[in-house]
Amino acid sequence: MPSDSAASWSPRQWGTLLVLCAALFLDALDVSMVGVALPSIAHDLDLSTSSLQWIVSGYILGYGGLLLLGGRAADLLGRRRVFLIALAVFAAASLLGGLVDSGGLLIASRFIKGLSAAFTAPAGLSIITTSFAEGPVRNRALSIYTTCGATGFSMGLVLSGLLTEVGWRWTMLLPAPIALIALTAGLRLIPKSPREHGQGRGYDLPGALTGTASMLLLVFTVVEAPRAGWASARTLLSFAVVAALLTAFVAIERRSSHPLIRLGVFRSADQIRANLGGAAFFGSYVGFQFLVTQYMQSLLGWSALQTALAFLPAGALVALASTRIGPLVDRFGTPRVIAAGFTALVVGYVLFLRITLTPHYAAVILPSMLLLGAACALVFPSLNIQATNGVQDDEQGMVSGLLNTSFQVGGAIFLAIVTAVVTANTGHGPATPQTVLDSYRPGLVVVSAVALGGLLITLTGLRRRRNPYEIVVASSTESAPATSISATAETAAVPVRD
């Protein structure tokens, strides 16, 4: 374990954190870069709108569908091994995506990248939470980690605008060399996890199959629902199969001696709030970004680079502020910090409803971007801290996978809902700029309502009273020093085992 001061972390500990940050940076970079490049990809590969959608949705399908499997695989097969293999696959898929001349192969490469991220994300987060002691040390590490993700996302928006001017293939190729450098460093720096020394437990194959199948089908159904119709026989049948798979999954997990997800973890109110909050937070932001990108490029006629620069203040604020969130969490607790972030998020979305066909950026758009940046800086690291606090080391991958699944499934579901609402309000008459803008407003209202729901969920955690004393977990004189667990709302609740 690192010592209680970040300043005294060894070079190897800093190096390990840097490798993990690089992987998260790449995930965020890849997501943000592809969006701006889509028009150029469609023109070059002669893709239809439905095919183009799958360049984005293919990544979401692989990522959101396999996160539960990836998180538990990290716990049982070795966090280091899972992380490094998945990072190597990510590098190969990046290279493939930049060289293909077929839309189908490009979509396949995006699915593979999403699949690899489904293993690197929970494995990377669980390596941090098992390598840094719970409390201020871990909070600082997680703040640095999440800052790199936010920086990657904001830089991806700007880089995509620049690289697309040269050629969209560079947006696909850029992550490959970075991933290879991180992989080389990770082989030397990341410590081996207990499973790789011969310790480990059985693997829940039936649970893995039903859980993964249910998540894959759920994400696929939600992504396809706006095109197929929410009330179509195909969509309803798919949802029915998802419900059946989830029912079978729960039944398997209740009987399994080594479950993919220990159902007792849901007895923790903090876990439930973190996962619901994650779905609301990411779902609302994905819907907002989709609408704003369309608004700026389709209605205002802004270039890809201008659109990217419009989002830059939010990303820059996250990069500057996220490393300072750890001390705020130490002082006020995660529920208060998350509530403050969701409040900023709701206000930012509501202010954006003032947009017109001739907006003044500094007066209309910039305030929302700054509020969104503040919200992301407050909410994202705090949700990660809340989800992983009080969880035993052998389940860190599981809860990390759960949280990331909530992010991705929330993003898929709420983006599909926002898209459906906008489509329903487009009308059947001539599409004028004003009618298109009017169709965006109900979508922005939905986005605001989702964020408000996240705020209300978070506020339920503020009613929990702080326990005024600490719990000290004793250890033998030959083991590591005793761990002092502050009995605040987010750190005292250790999940009850089945």
Protein backbone atom coordinates (compact mmCIF):
# COMPACT_ATOMS: atom_id res chain seq x y z
CA MET A 1 0.00 0.00 0.00
CA PRO A 2 1.19 3.55 -0.63
CA SER A 3 1.83 5.66 2.41
CA ASP A 4 -0.62 8.19 3.72
CA SER A 5 0.91 11.04 1.73
CA ALA A 6 0.78 11.34 -2.03
CA ALA A 7 4.11 13.17 -1.90
CA SER A 8 5.78 10.02 -0.54
CA TRP A 9 4.46 7.62 -3.17
CA SER A 10 7.30 5.69 -4.77
CA PRO A 11 8.23 6.24 -8.44
CA ARG A 12 6.68 2.85 -9.26
CA GLN A 13 3.39 3.84 -7.62
CA TRP A 14 3.31 7.07 -9.59
CA GLY A 15 4.22 5.10 -12.73
CA THR A 16 1.41 2.60 -12.16
CA LEU A 17 -1.08 5.42 -11.72
CA LEU A 18 0.22 7.09 -14.88
CA VAL A 19 -0.28 3.91 -16.94
CA LEU A 20 -3.85 3.52 -15.65
CA CYS A 21 -4.53 7.19 -16.35
CA ALA A 22 -3.25 6.74 -19.91
CA ALA A 23 -5.73 3.93 -20.53
CA LEU A 24 -8.67 6.00 -19.26
CA PHE A 25 -7.38 8.97 -21.25
CA LEU A 26 -7.46 6.80 -24.39
CA ASP A 27 -11.00 5.58 -23.72
CA ALA A 28 -12.27 9.14 -23.37
CA LEU A 29 -10.18 10.40 -26.29
CA ASP A 30 -11.55 7.69 -28.57
CA VAL A 31 -15.17 8.39 -27.67
CA SER A 32 -14.94 12.15 -28.27
CA MET A 33 -12.81 12.01 -31.44
CA VAL A 34 -15.09 9.78 -33.49
CA GLY A 35 -18.20 11.98 -33.18
CA VAL A 36 -16.79 14.97 -35.05
CA ALA A 37 -15.27 12.71 -37.74
CA LEU A 38 -18.56 10.99 -38.65
CA PRO A 39 -19.52 13.23 -41.61
CA SER A 40 -16.11 12.65 -43.25
CA ILE A 41 -16.35 8.89 -42.63
CA ALA A 42 -19.82 8.77 -44.20
CA HIS A 43 -18.59 10.60 -47.30
CA ASP A 44 -15.41 8.53 -47.72
CA LEU A 45 -16.96 5.09 -47.12
CA ASP A 46 -20.38 5.91 -48.61
CA LEU A 47 -22.28 4.96 -45.46
CA SER A 48 -25.96 5.45 -44.78
CA THR A 49 -27.19 7.21 -41.66
CA SER A 50 -28.14 3.91 -40.00
CA SER A 51 -24.71 2.42 -40.76
CA LEU A 52 -23.00 5.57 -39.52
CA GLN A 53 -24.88 5.34 -36.23
CA TRP A 54 -23.31 1.94 -35.59
CA ILE A 55 -19.80 3.40 -35.62
CA VAL A 56 -20.82 4.99 -32.32
CA SER A 57 -23.29 2.35 -31.19
CA GLY A 58 -20.89 -0.53 -31.90
CA TYR A 59 -18.50 0.86 -29.32
CA ILE A 60 -21.32 1.35 -26.80
CA LEU A 61 -22.56 -2.20 -27.44
CA GLY A 62 -19.17 -3.76 -26.72
CA TYR A 63 -18.45 -1.49 -23.77
CA GLY A 64 -21.80 -1.53 -22.02
CA GLY A 65 -22.56 -5.17 -22.74
CA LEU A 66 -19.34 -6.67 -21.37
CA LEU A 67 -18.51 -4.45 -18.39
CA LEU A 68 -19.96 -6.84 -15.81
CA LEU A 69 -17.91 -9.66 -17.27
CA GLY A 70 -14.83 -7.44 -17.43
CA GLY A 71 -15.13 -6.32 -13.83
CA ARG A 72 -15.45 -9.81 -12.41
CA ALA A 73 -12.76 -11.18 -14.71
CA ALA A 74 -10.37 -8.63 -13.20
CA ASP A 75 -11.15 -9.91 -9.69
CA LEU A 76 -10.86 -13.60 -10.51
CA LEU A 77 -8.31 -13.82 -13.33
CA GLY A 78 -5.91 -11.10 -12.20
CA ARG A 79 -6.31 -7.34 -12.58
CA ARG A 80 -2.88 -6.84 -14.13
CA ARG A 81 -3.30 -9.66 -16.66
CA VAL A 82 -6.80 -8.58 -17.71
CA PHE A 83 -5.80 -4.92 -17.99
CA LEU A 84 -2.70 -5.53 -20.11
CA ILE A 85 -4.32 -8.05 -22.49
CA ALA A 86 -7.29 -5.72 -23.05
CA LEU A 87 -4.95 -2.76 -23.65
CA ALA A 88 -3.09 -4.76 -26.31
CA VAL A 89 -6.40 -5.59 -28.01
CA PHE A 90 -7.35 -1.89 -27.89
CA ALA A 91 -4.10 -0.96 -29.68
CA ALA A 92 -4.65 -3.59 -32.40
CA ALA A 93 -8.27 -2.53 -32.95
CA SER A 94 -7.18 1.13 -33.23
CA LEU A 95 -4.72 0.20 -35.96
CA LEU A 96 -7.37 -1.86 -37.76
CA GLY A 97 -9.91 0.96 -37.61
CA GLY A 98 -7.54 3.40 -39.28
CA LEU A 99 -6.66 1.06 -42.17
CA VAL A 100 -9.99 -0.48 -43.24
CA ASP A 101 -11.90 0.52 -46.37
CA SER A 102 -15.20 -1.09 -45.38
CA GLY A 103 -17.95 0.26 -43.17
CA GLY A 104 -18.58 -3.21 -41.76
CA LEU A 105 -14.94 -3.67 -40.76
CA LEU A 106 -14.85 -0.20 -39.21
CA ILE A 107 -17.93 -1.01 -37.11
CA ALA A 108 -16.33 -4.33 -36.11
CA SER A 109 -13.17 -2.54 -35.00
CA ARG A 110 -15.26 -0.14 -32.92
CA PHE A 111 -17.04 -3.07 -31.26
CA ILE A 112 -13.69 -4.67 -30.43
CA LYS A 113 -12.43 -1.39 -28.96
CA GLY A 114 -15.55 -1.13 -26.82
CA LEU A 115 -15.04 -4.73 -25.73
CA SER A 116 -11.44 -4.05 -24.70
CA ALA A 117 -12.45 -0.90 -22.82
CA ALA A 118 -15.01 -3.01 -20.94
CA PHE A 119 -12.05 -4.87 -19.45
CA THR A 120 -9.51 -2.05 -19.04
CA ALA A 121 -11.94 0.35 -17.29
CA PRO A 122 -12.98 -1.83 -14.31
CA ALA A 123 -9.56 -3.48 -14.10
CA GLY A 124 -7.81 -0.10 -14.01
CA LEU A 125 -10.15 1.32 -11.39
CA SER A 126 -9.86 -1.78 -9.21
CA ILE A 127 -6.05 -1.66 -9.43
CA ILE A 128 -6.20 1.86 -8.00
CA THR A 129 -8.68 1.01 -5.26
CA THR A 130 -6.66 -2.02 -4.15
CA SER A 131 -3.32 -0.21 -4.35
CA PHE A 132 -4.22 3.00 -2.50
CA ALA A 133 -5.62 2.98 1.02
CA GLU A 134 -9.26 4.03 1.41
CA GLY A 135 -9.58 7.65 2.50
CA PRO A 136 -7.59 10.75 1.49
CA VAL A 137 -4.89 8.74 -0.33
CA ARG A 138 -7.35 6.88 -2.55
CA ASN A 139 -9.46 10.00 -3.05
CA ARG A 140 -6.39 11.84 -4.34
CA ALA A 141 -5.48 8.98 -6.68
CA LEU A 142 -9.04 8.76 -8.02
CA SER A 143 -9.15 12.52 -8.55
CA ILE A 144 -5.99 12.35 -10.67
CA TYR A 145 -7.36 9.31 -12.50
CA THR A 146 -10.71 10.87 -13.38
CA THR A 147 -9.02 14.14 -14.37
CA CYS A 148 -7.12 12.24 -17.07
CA GLY A 149 -10.40 10.89 -18.41
CA ALA A 150 -11.91 14.36 -18.57
CA THR A 151 -8.76 15.75 -20.18
CA GLY A 152 -8.83 13.00 -22.79
CA PHE A 153 -12.43 13.79 -23.63
CA SER A 154 -11.83 17.54 -23.99
CA MET A 155 -8.61 17.05 -25.96
CA GLY A 156 -10.36 14.53 -28.19
CA LEU A 157 -12.89 17.13 -29.23
CA VAL A 158 -10.16 19.56 -30.25
CA LEU A 159 -7.89 16.93 -31.83
CA SER A 160 -10.77 15.52 -33.84
CA GLY A 161 -11.40 18.93 -35.35
CA LEU A 162 -7.74 19.25 -36.32
CA LEU A 163 -7.15 15.67 -37.46
CA THR A 164 -10.36 15.43 -39.48
CA GLU A 165 -9.11 18.32 -41.60
CA VAL A 166 -6.13 16.08 -42.55
CA GLY A 167 -8.11 12.82 -42.75
CA TRP A 168 -10.55 10.95 -40.53
CA ARG A 169 -8.26 7.88 -40.42
CA TRP A 170 -5.87 9.77 -38.14
CA THR A 171 -8.60 9.97 -35.50
CA MET A 172 -8.67 6.16 -35.49
CA LEU A 173 -4.90 5.66 -35.64
CA LEU A 174 -3.81 8.13 -32.97
CA PRO A 175 -4.72 5.94 -29.94
CA ALA A 176 -2.62 2.99 -31.22
CA PRO A 177 0.91 4.29 -30.45
CA ILE A 178 -0.22 5.75 -27.12
CA ALA A 179 -1.73 2.40 -26.13
CA LEU A 180 1.48 0.58 -27.08
CA ILE A 181 3.59 2.95 -24.96
CA ALA A 182 1.22 2.46 -22.01
CA LEU A 183 1.31 -1.32 -22.52
CA THR A 184 5.12 -1.39 -22.49
CA ALA A 185 5.23 0.71 -19.32
CA GLY A 186 2.48 -1.36 -17.69
CA LEU A 187 4.40 -4.60 -18.15
CA ARG A 188 7.17 -3.15 -15.98
CA LEU A 189 5.24 -1.03 -13.49
CA ILE A 190 1.87 -2.59 -12.64
CA PRO A 191 2.21 -5.00 -9.68
CA LYS A 192 0.87 -8.52 -9.97
CA SER A 193 -2.48 -9.19 -8.32
CA PRO A 194 -3.03 -12.15 -5.96
CA ARG A 195 -4.67 -14.34 -8.63
CA GLU A 196 -1.44 -14.26 -10.64
CA HIS A 197 0.43 -15.76 -7.71
CA GLY A 198 -1.84 -18.79 -7.69
CA GLN A 199 -4.61 -17.47 -5.44
CA GLY A 200 -8.10 -17.22 -6.82
CA ARG A 201 -11.59 -18.60 -6.89
CA GLY A 202 -13.97 -20.32 -9.25
CA TYR A 203 -15.61 -18.59 -12.16
CA ASP A 204 -19.36 -18.22 -12.61
CA LEU A 205 -19.69 -19.23 -16.27
CA PRO A 206 -23.54 -19.48 -16.37
CA GLY A 207 -23.81 -16.08 -14.70
CA ALA A 208 -21.24 -14.62 -17.10
CA LEU A 209 -23.18 -15.92 -20.12
CA THR A 210 -26.63 -14.76 -19.01
CA GLY A 211 -25.39 -11.46 -17.57
CA THR A 212 -23.37 -10.57 -20.65
CA ALA A 213 -26.14 -11.65 -23.03
CA SER A 214 -28.73 -9.57 -21.15
CA MET A 215 -26.53 -6.43 -21.22
CA LEU A 216 -25.62 -6.87 -24.89
CA LEU A 217 -29.26 -7.35 -25.89
CA LEU A 218 -30.44 -4.47 -23.68
CA VAL A 219 -27.98 -2.01 -25.20
CA PHE A 220 -28.70 -3.29 -28.73
CA THR A 221 -32.46 -3.01 -28.22
CA VAL A 222 -32.28 0.52 -26.83
CA VAL A 223 -29.97 1.71 -29.60
CA GLU A 224 -32.22 0.22 -32.32
CA ALA A 225 -35.56 1.18 -30.73
CA PRO A 226 -35.82 4.71 -32.24
CA ARG A 227 -35.39 3.24 -35.74
CA ALA A 228 -37.47 0.07 -35.28
CA GLY A 229 -40.11 1.78 -33.14
CA TRP A 230 -40.48 1.59 -29.37
CA ALA A 231 -43.83 -0.20 -29.66
CA SER A 232 -42.83 -2.49 -32.53
CA ALA A 233 -43.06 -6.26 -32.11
CA ARG A 234 -39.29 -6.54 -32.52
CA THR A 235 -38.53 -4.07 -29.74
CA LEU A 236 -41.11 -5.48 -27.33
CA LEU A 237 -39.90 -9.03 -27.95
CA SER A 238 -36.30 -7.97 -27.37
CA PHE A 239 -37.21 -6.34 -24.06
CA ALA A 240 -39.09 -9.49 -23.04
CA VAL A 241 -36.01 -11.61 -23.78
CA VAL A 242 -33.87 -9.15 -21.78
CA ALA A 243 -36.24 -9.52 -18.82
CA ALA A 244 -36.07 -13.31 -19.08
CA LEU A 245 -32.27 -13.29 -19.23
CA LEU A 246 -32.02 -10.94 -16.25
CA THR A 247 -34.41 -13.15 -14.26
CA ALA A 248 -32.29 -16.19 -15.07
CA PHE A 249 -29.15 -14.23 -14.15
CA VAL A 250 -30.51 -13.29 -10.73
CA ALA A 251 -31.58 -16.89 -10.07
CA ILE A 252 -28.08 -18.13 -11.01
CA GLU A 253 -26.34 -15.52 -8.87
CA ARG A 254 -28.43 -16.42 -5.83
CA ARG A 255 -27.30 -20.05 -6.05
CA SER A 256 -23.71 -19.58 -7.23
CA SER A 257 -20.87 -20.04 -4.73
CA HIS A 258 -18.72 -17.59 -6.75
CA PRO A 259 -21.25 -15.20 -8.36
CA LEU A 260 -20.43 -12.73 -11.10
CA ILE A 261 -22.27 -10.14 -8.98
CA ARG A 262 -22.83 -10.74 -5.29
CA LEU A 263 -26.43 -9.59 -4.93
CA GLY A 264 -25.83 -8.52 -1.34
CA VAL A 265 -23.92 -5.51 -2.66
CA PHE A 266 -27.27 -3.93 -3.51
CA ARG A 267 -28.11 -3.79 0.20
CA SER A 268 -25.76 -0.81 0.33
CA ALA A 269 -27.73 2.38 -0.24
CA ASP A 270 -24.52 4.13 -1.29
CA GLN A 271 -24.01 1.57 -4.06
CA ILE A 272 -27.55 2.03 -5.34
CA ARG A 273 -27.25 5.83 -5.29
CA ALA A 274 -23.85 5.73 -7.02
CA ASN A 275 -25.10 3.52 -9.85
CA LEU A 276 -28.39 5.36 -10.39
CA GLY A 277 -26.56 8.67 -10.16
CA GLY A 278 -24.00 7.46 -12.71
CA ALA A 279 -26.73 6.48 -15.16
CA ALA A 280 -28.47 9.86 -14.78
CA PHE A 281 -25.24 11.84 -14.97
CA PHE A 282 -23.77 10.21 -18.07
CA GLY A 283 -27.14 9.67 -19.75
CA SER A 284 -28.07 13.34 -19.50
CA TYR A 285 -24.64 14.50 -20.69
CA VAL A 286 -24.56 12.17 -23.72
CA GLY A 287 -28.02 13.39 -24.74
CA PHE A 288 -26.98 17.01 -24.24
CA GLN A 289 -23.79 16.65 -26.25
CA PHE A 290 -25.67 14.96 -29.10
CA LEU A 291 -28.19 17.80 -29.31
CA VAL A 292 -25.64 20.58 -28.94
CA THR A 293 -23.36 19.12 -31.61
CA GLN A 294 -26.28 18.96 -34.04
CA TYR A 295 -27.35 22.48 -33.08
CA MET A 296 -23.91 23.99 -33.62
CA GLN A 297 -23.02 22.22 -36.86
CA SER A 298 -26.41 21.78 -38.55
CA LEU A 299 -28.18 24.97 -37.52
CA LEU A 300 -25.39 27.45 -36.80
CA GLY A 301 -23.10 26.15 -39.54
CA TRP A 302 -20.07 25.89 -37.27
CA SER A 303 -17.12 23.76 -38.36
CA ALA A 304 -15.98 20.66 -36.48
CA LEU A 305 -13.14 22.66 -34.92
CA GLN A 306 -15.42 25.53 -33.86
CA THR A 307 -17.79 23.03 -32.23
CA ALA A 308 -14.91 21.37 -30.41
CA LEU A 309 -13.61 24.70 -29.14
CA ALA A 310 -17.10 25.60 -27.88
CA PHE A 311 -16.93 22.58 -25.55
CA LEU A 312 -13.33 23.27 -24.54
CA PRO A 313 -14.08 25.52 -21.50
CA ALA A 314 -15.98 22.66 -19.87
CA GLY A 315 -13.13 20.21 -20.43
CA ALA A 316 -10.50 22.71 -19.30
CA LEU A 317 -12.41 23.41 -16.10
CA VAL A 318 -12.63 19.68 -15.37
CA ALA A 319 -8.90 19.23 -15.94
CA LEU A 320 -8.09 22.10 -13.58
CA ALA A 321 -10.59 21.28 -10.84
CA SER A 322 -10.79 17.49 -10.64
CA THR A 323 -7.51 17.04 -8.76
CA ARG A 324 -8.89 19.27 -6.01
CA ILE A 325 -12.05 17.24 -5.44
CA GLY A 326 -10.39 14.74 -3.07
CA PRO A 327 -10.05 17.27 -0.21
CA LEU A 328 -13.67 18.36 -0.74
CA VAL A 329 -14.84 14.76 -0.41
CA ASP A 330 -12.68 14.32 2.71
CA ARG A 331 -14.31 17.36 4.29
CA PHE A 332 -17.94 17.22 3.14
CA GLY A 333 -18.51 13.59 2.06
CA THR A 334 -19.52 12.28 -1.35
CA PRO A 335 -23.30 12.92 -1.07
CA ARG A 336 -22.84 16.67 -0.59
CA VAL A 337 -20.24 16.98 -3.34
CA ILE A 338 -22.34 14.94 -5.78
CA ALA A 339 -25.44 16.98 -4.92
CA ALA A 340 -23.56 20.21 -5.61
CA GLY A 341 -22.42 18.82 -8.95
CA PHE A 342 -25.89 17.72 -10.00
CA THR A 343 -27.25 21.16 -9.04
CA ALA A 344 -24.72 22.79 -11.37
CA LEU A 345 -25.64 20.26 -14.07
CA VAL A 346 -29.36 21.01 -13.89
CA VAL A 347 -28.81 24.77 -13.92
CA GLY A 348 -26.43 24.47 -16.89
CA TYR A 349 -28.96 22.47 -18.91
CA VAL A 350 -31.82 24.83 -18.09
CA LEU A 351 -29.78 27.90 -19.06
CA PHE A 352 -29.08 26.32 -22.43
CA LEU A 353 -32.79 26.42 -23.23
CA ARG A 354 -32.25 30.13 -24.01
CA ILE A 355 -30.51 29.27 -27.32
CA THR A 356 -31.64 30.96 -30.54
CA LEU A 357 -30.58 30.80 -34.17
CA THR A 358 -28.20 33.70 -33.52
CA PRO A 359 -26.81 33.07 -30.01
CA HIS A 360 -24.17 35.18 -28.32
CA TYR A 361 -21.61 32.62 -27.18
CA ALA A 362 -20.33 34.45 -24.09
CA ALA A 363 -23.82 35.26 -22.80
CA VAL A 364 -25.80 32.16 -23.76
CA ILE A 365 -23.54 29.14 -24.35
CA LEU A 366 -20.45 29.77 -22.21
CA PRO A 367 -22.30 29.88 -18.83
CA SER A 368 -23.75 26.42 -19.50
CA MET A 369 -20.37 25.04 -20.53
CA LEU A 370 -18.71 26.33 -17.36
CA LEU A 371 -21.47 24.90 -15.17
CA LEU A 372 -21.21 21.55 -16.95
CA GLY A 373 -17.45 21.56 -16.43
CA ALA A 374 -17.89 22.23 -12.73
CA ALA A 375 -20.53 19.50 -12.52
CA CYS A 376 -18.32 16.89 -14.21
CA ALA A 377 -15.39 17.80 -11.95
CA LEU A 378 -17.56 17.34 -8.84
CA VAL A 379 -19.70 14.35 -9.81
CA PHE A 380 -17.48 11.94 -11.74
CA PRO A 381 -14.66 11.39 -9.20
CA SER A 382 -17.11 11.49 -6.29
CA LEU A 383 -19.28 8.73 -7.80
CA ASN A 384 -16.17 6.57 -8.24
CA ILE A 385 -15.17 7.18 -4.63
CA GLN A 386 -18.65 6.44 -3.30
CA ALA A 387 -18.99 3.22 -5.32
CA THR A 388 -15.64 1.77 -4.20
CA ASN A 389 -15.51 2.86 -0.54
CA GLY A 390 -16.14 0.16 2.04
CA VAL A 391 -15.75 -2.66 -0.52
CA GLN A 392 -13.34 -5.54 0.00
CA ASP A 393 -10.38 -5.88 -2.36
CA ASP A 394 -11.66 -9.05 -4.01
CA GLU A 395 -14.84 -7.22 -5.09
CA GLN A 396 -13.38 -3.94 -6.32
CA GLY A 397 -13.50 -5.10 -9.95
CA MET A 398 -17.14 -6.12 -9.52
CA VAL A 399 -18.31 -2.74 -8.17
CA SER A 400 -16.15 -0.92 -10.74
CA GLY A 401 -17.80 -2.94 -13.51
CA LEU A 402 -21.23 -2.18 -12.08
CA LEU A 403 -20.58 1.56 -11.99
CA ASN A 404 -19.20 1.67 -15.51
CA THR A 405 -22.13 -0.43 -16.72
CA SER A 406 -24.49 2.12 -15.18
CA PHE A 407 -22.69 4.90 -17.05
CA GLN A 408 -22.85 3.16 -20.42
CA VAL A 409 -26.36 1.71 -20.16
CA GLY A 410 -27.63 5.06 -18.88
CA GLY A 411 -25.97 6.77 -21.83
CA ALA A 412 -27.52 4.35 -24.33
CA ILE A 413 -31.01 4.49 -22.82
CA PHE A 414 -31.30 8.25 -22.36
CA LEU A 415 -29.69 9.06 -25.72
CA ALA A 416 -32.27 6.82 -27.39
CA ILE A 417 -35.07 8.56 -25.46
CA VAL A 418 -33.79 12.03 -26.34
CA THR A 419 -33.48 11.04 -30.00
CA ALA A 420 -37.03 9.67 -30.00
CA VAL A 421 -38.41 12.85 -28.39
CA VAL A 422 -36.65 15.09 -30.91
CA THR A 423 -37.85 12.95 -33.83
CA ALA A 424 -41.43 13.01 -32.55
CA ASN A 425 -41.37 16.81 -32.38
CA THR A 426 -39.77 17.38 -35.78
CA GLY A 427 -43.16 17.58 -37.52
CA HIS A 428 -44.19 16.63 -41.02
CA GLY A 429 -44.02 20.04 -42.70
CA PRO A 430 -41.04 21.78 -44.29
CA ALA A 431 -37.99 21.61 -42.01
CA THR A 432 -37.01 25.22 -41.42
CA PRO A 433 -34.17 26.19 -39.06
CA GLN A 434 -36.71 27.42 -36.51
CA THR A 435 -38.76 24.20 -36.55
CA VAL A 436 -35.58 22.15 -36.15
CA LEU A 437 -34.54 24.32 -33.20
CA ASP A 438 -38.02 23.95 -31.69
CA SER A 439 -37.69 20.15 -31.97
CA TYR A 440 -34.48 20.28 -29.94
CA ARG A 441 -36.06 22.01 -26.96
CA PRO A 442 -38.16 19.03 -25.75
CA GLY A 443 -34.98 16.95 -25.90
CA LEU A 444 -33.19 19.51 -23.73
CA VAL A 445 -36.11 19.38 -21.29
CA VAL A 446 -35.73 15.59 -21.07
CA VAL A 447 -32.00 16.03 -20.45
CA SER A 448 -32.72 18.50 -17.65
CA ALA A 449 -35.32 16.17 -16.12
CA VAL A 450 -32.88 13.24 -16.09
CA ALA A 451 -30.26 15.37 -14.32
CA LEU A 452 -32.90 16.54 -11.84
CA GLY A 453 -33.73 12.90 -11.14
CA GLY A 454 -30.06 12.27 -10.38
CA LEU A 455 -30.06 15.20 -7.98
CA LEU A 456 -33.14 13.92 -6.14
CA ILE A 457 -31.59 10.46 -5.82
CA THR A 458 -28.43 11.99 -4.37
CA LEU A 459 -30.36 14.13 -1.89
CA THR A 460 -31.75 11.01 -0.23
CA GLY A 461 -28.21 10.30 0.96
CA LEU A 462 -27.98 13.62 2.79
CA ARG A 463 -30.54 12.46 5.36
CA ARG A 464 -28.13 9.87 6.70
CA ARG A 465 -26.55 11.05 9.94
CA ARG A 466 -22.81 10.90 10.45
CA ASN A 467 -21.58 8.40 13.04
CA PRO A 468 -19.44 10.46 15.44
CA TYR A 469 -16.88 7.76 16.15
CA GLU A 470 -14.45 5.64 14.15
CA ILE A 471 -14.21 1.91 13.63
CA VAL A 472 -10.71 0.52 13.87
CA VAL A 473 -10.07 -2.81 12.18
CA ALA A 474 -7.32 -4.52 14.14
CA SER A 475 -4.61 -6.54 12.46
CA SER A 476 -1.89 -8.77 13.75
CA THR A 477 1.48 -7.28 14.59
CA GLU A 478 3.07 -9.02 11.62
CA SER A 479 0.52 -7.80 9.10
CA ALA A 480 -0.04 -4.38 7.62
CA PRO A 481 -0.88 -1.51 10.00
CA ALA A 482 -4.42 -1.35 11.31
CA THR A 483 -6.87 0.37 9.03
CA SER A 484 -8.87 3.25 10.43
CA ILE A 485 -12.20 3.60 8.74
CA SER A 486 -13.99 6.90 9.20
CA ALA A 487 -17.62 6.09 9.91
CA THR A 488 -19.11 8.69 7.64
CA ALA A 489 -22.06 7.85 5.45
CA GLU A 490 -19.92 6.79 2.52
CA THR A 491 -17.13 4.92 4.30
CA ALA A 492 -18.79 3.14 7.19
CA ALA A 493 -21.25 1.03 5.24
CA VAL A 494 -19.55 -2.25 4.39
CA PRO A 495 -21.86 -4.34 2.18
CA VAL A 496 -23.53 -7.26 3.90
CA ARG A 497 -22.68 -10.64 2.42
CA ASP A 498 -25.30 -13.16 1.44
